[in-house]
Amino acid sequence: MEKFCISIISLCLALGGVTHIFDNVYFGLLPYKFAPNWVNLYWTSLGVIDFLAIYILLKNRNLGIILTLIIMISDVVINSAAYYSMQVIKDPIALQLQTLFLGFCLGACMWLWKSNSSNSVSPVT
C-alpha cells in the first residue's frame, strides 16, 4: 500500500510538473502573463520543484513528504487566491482537483510518515 500511495503522489506531481514545463516550452519562459509576476514565477518554478519533490520522496521519504505538503498547500492557497481574489483563473476544475490531491497527500503522508518511522526502529535485543 505504501508503494501505491507514493506512486499516486509521484504521478500527480509529475503531471503537474509536465504541465508547467509544457507551458514554458510552448508559450515561452514565464508564460502566465495574465497573472501577477510573483504568481507567474511560482507557477513556472513548479515545473522543476514538482520533479524535485518526486526525487526527494523516493530518496528520503520524510523530507519528500514535507516538500510535497509545502508544494501542495502553497499551490492550493495561491491558486485559490488567483481564482477567488485576483480572478485570473476562470475555470475552477483544476483548483478542485488540486484540493482533492492535497487531501489525499495529507491523509497518505501521515500514514506514510508513520509507516516509515516504524520501519526504521530497530528491535530491542
Protein backbone atom coordinates (compact mmCIF):
# COMPACT_ATOMS: atom_id res chain seq x y z
CA MET A 1 0.00 0.00 0.00
CA GLU A 2 2.93 2.34 0.67
CA LYS A 3 4.23 1.93 -2.87
CA PHE A 4 0.75 2.59 -4.23
CA CYS A 5 0.43 5.86 -2.29
CA ILE A 6 3.92 7.00 -3.26
CA SER A 7 3.16 6.11 -6.89
CA ILE A 8 -0.06 8.15 -6.89
CA ILE A 9 1.68 11.13 -5.29
CA SER A 10 4.60 10.87 -7.74
CA LEU A 11 2.27 10.52 -10.73
CA CYS A 12 0.23 13.58 -9.77
CA LEU A 13 3.35 15.66 -9.09
CA ALA A 14 4.78 14.55 -12.45
CA LEU A 15 1.54 15.51 -14.20
CA GLY A 16 1.72 18.97 -12.65
CA GLY A 17 5.42 19.32 -13.46
CA VAL A 18 4.93 18.24 -17.08
CA THR A 19 2.06 20.71 -17.46
CA HIS A 20 4.22 23.61 -16.28
CA ILE A 21 7.21 22.53 -18.38
CA PHE A 22 4.96 22.24 -21.45
CA ASP A 23 3.62 25.75 -20.85
CA ASN A 24 7.19 27.08 -20.60
CA VAL A 25 8.34 25.30 -23.75
CA TYR A 26 5.25 26.09 -25.81
CA PHE A 27 4.46 29.62 -24.61
CA GLY A 28 7.96 30.72 -23.51
CA LEU A 29 9.54 31.36 -20.13
CA LEU A 30 7.13 32.86 -17.58
CA PRO A 31 4.09 32.10 -19.75
CA TYR A 32 1.38 33.12 -17.28
CA LYS A 33 1.38 36.81 -18.24
CA PHE A 34 -2.25 37.19 -17.15
CA ALA A 35 -1.20 36.65 -13.52
CA PRO A 36 0.87 38.88 -11.22
CA ASN A 37 4.63 38.40 -11.64
CA TRP A 38 5.06 36.54 -8.33
CA VAL A 39 2.31 34.06 -9.29
CA ASN A 40 3.80 33.67 -12.77
CA LEU A 41 7.20 32.93 -11.23
CA TYR A 42 5.70 30.45 -8.74
CA TRP A 43 3.73 28.56 -11.39
CA THR A 44 6.78 28.50 -13.69
CA SER A 45 9.04 27.14 -10.94
CA LEU A 46 6.64 24.25 -10.28
CA GLY A 47 7.97 22.61 -13.45
CA VAL A 48 11.22 21.94 -11.60
CA ILE A 49 10.02 21.82 -7.99
CA ASP A 50 7.44 19.08 -8.66
CA PHE A 51 10.11 16.77 -10.10
CA LEU A 52 12.48 17.64 -7.27
CA ALA A 53 9.78 16.57 -4.81
CA ILE A 54 9.40 13.22 -6.59
CA TYR A 55 13.14 12.61 -6.46
CA ILE A 56 13.39 13.52 -2.78
CA LEU A 57 10.26 11.49 -1.94
CA LEU A 58 11.93 8.42 -3.44
CA LYS A 59 15.33 9.05 -1.81
CA ASN A 60 14.31 10.41 1.60
CA ARG A 61 10.64 9.76 2.29
CA ASN A 62 10.09 12.10 5.24
CA LEU A 63 11.83 15.04 3.58
CA GLY A 64 9.90 14.31 0.38
CA ILE A 65 6.65 14.27 2.33
CA ILE A 66 7.44 17.68 3.83
CA LEU A 67 8.32 19.16 0.42
CA THR A 68 5.21 17.65 -1.18
CA LEU A 69 2.98 19.13 1.51
CA ILE A 70 4.66 22.54 1.20
CA ILE A 71 4.13 22.45 -2.56
CA MET A 72 0.50 21.37 -2.39
CA ILE A 73 -0.53 23.68 0.45
CA SER A 74 1.12 26.67 -1.23
CA ASP A 75 -0.32 25.67 -4.62
CA VAL A 76 -3.88 25.41 -3.32
CA VAL A 77 -3.57 28.67 -1.36
CA ILE A 78 -2.07 30.59 -4.30
CA ASN A 79 -4.49 29.10 -6.83
CA SER A 80 -7.42 29.83 -4.52
CA ALA A 81 -6.28 33.45 -4.32
CA ALA A 82 -5.80 33.52 -8.09
CA TYR A 83 -9.34 32.22 -8.61
CA TYR A 84 -11.33 33.90 -5.85
CA SER A 85 -9.45 37.17 -5.19
CA MET A 86 -7.40 38.00 -8.27
CA GLN A 87 -9.84 36.33 -10.67
CA VAL A 88 -7.07 35.42 -13.12
CA ILE A 89 -8.17 31.77 -13.26
CA LYS A 90 -11.52 31.31 -14.99
CA ASP A 91 -12.08 27.56 -14.56
CA PRO A 92 -12.20 26.14 -11.02
CA ILE A 93 -11.84 22.46 -12.05
CA ALA A 94 -8.02 22.39 -11.78
CA LEU A 95 -8.24 24.06 -8.36
CA GLN A 96 -10.77 21.49 -7.17
CA LEU A 97 -8.57 18.62 -8.39
CA GLN A 98 -5.54 20.14 -6.65
CA THR A 99 -7.56 20.47 -3.45
CA LEU A 100 -8.60 16.82 -3.74
CA PHE A 101 -4.96 15.83 -4.28
CA LEU A 102 -3.93 17.91 -1.25
CA GLY A 103 -6.46 15.97 0.83
CA PHE A 104 -5.02 12.70 -0.46
CA CYS A 105 -1.49 13.89 0.33
CA LEU A 106 -2.44 14.91 3.87
CA GLY A 107 -4.05 11.55 4.61
CA ALA A 108 -1.45 9.43 2.85
CA CYS A 109 1.53 11.41 4.12
CA MET A 110 0.51 11.00 7.76
CA TRP A 111 0.28 7.25 7.19
CA LEU A 112 3.49 7.10 5.11
CA TRP A 113 5.40 9.05 7.77
CA LYS A 114 4.21 6.69 10.50
CA SER A 115 4.95 3.55 8.49
CA ASN A 116 8.38 4.88 7.55
CA SER A 117 9.32 5.67 11.15
CA SER A 118 8.11 2.28 12.39
CA ASN A 119 10.31 0.57 9.80
CA SER A 120 13.38 2.45 10.98
CA VAL A 121 13.06 1.40 14.63
CA SER A 122 15.41 -1.44 15.45
CA PRO A 123 14.09 -4.14 17.76
CA VAL A 124 15.42 -4.33 21.30
CA THR A 125 17.51 -7.45 21.86
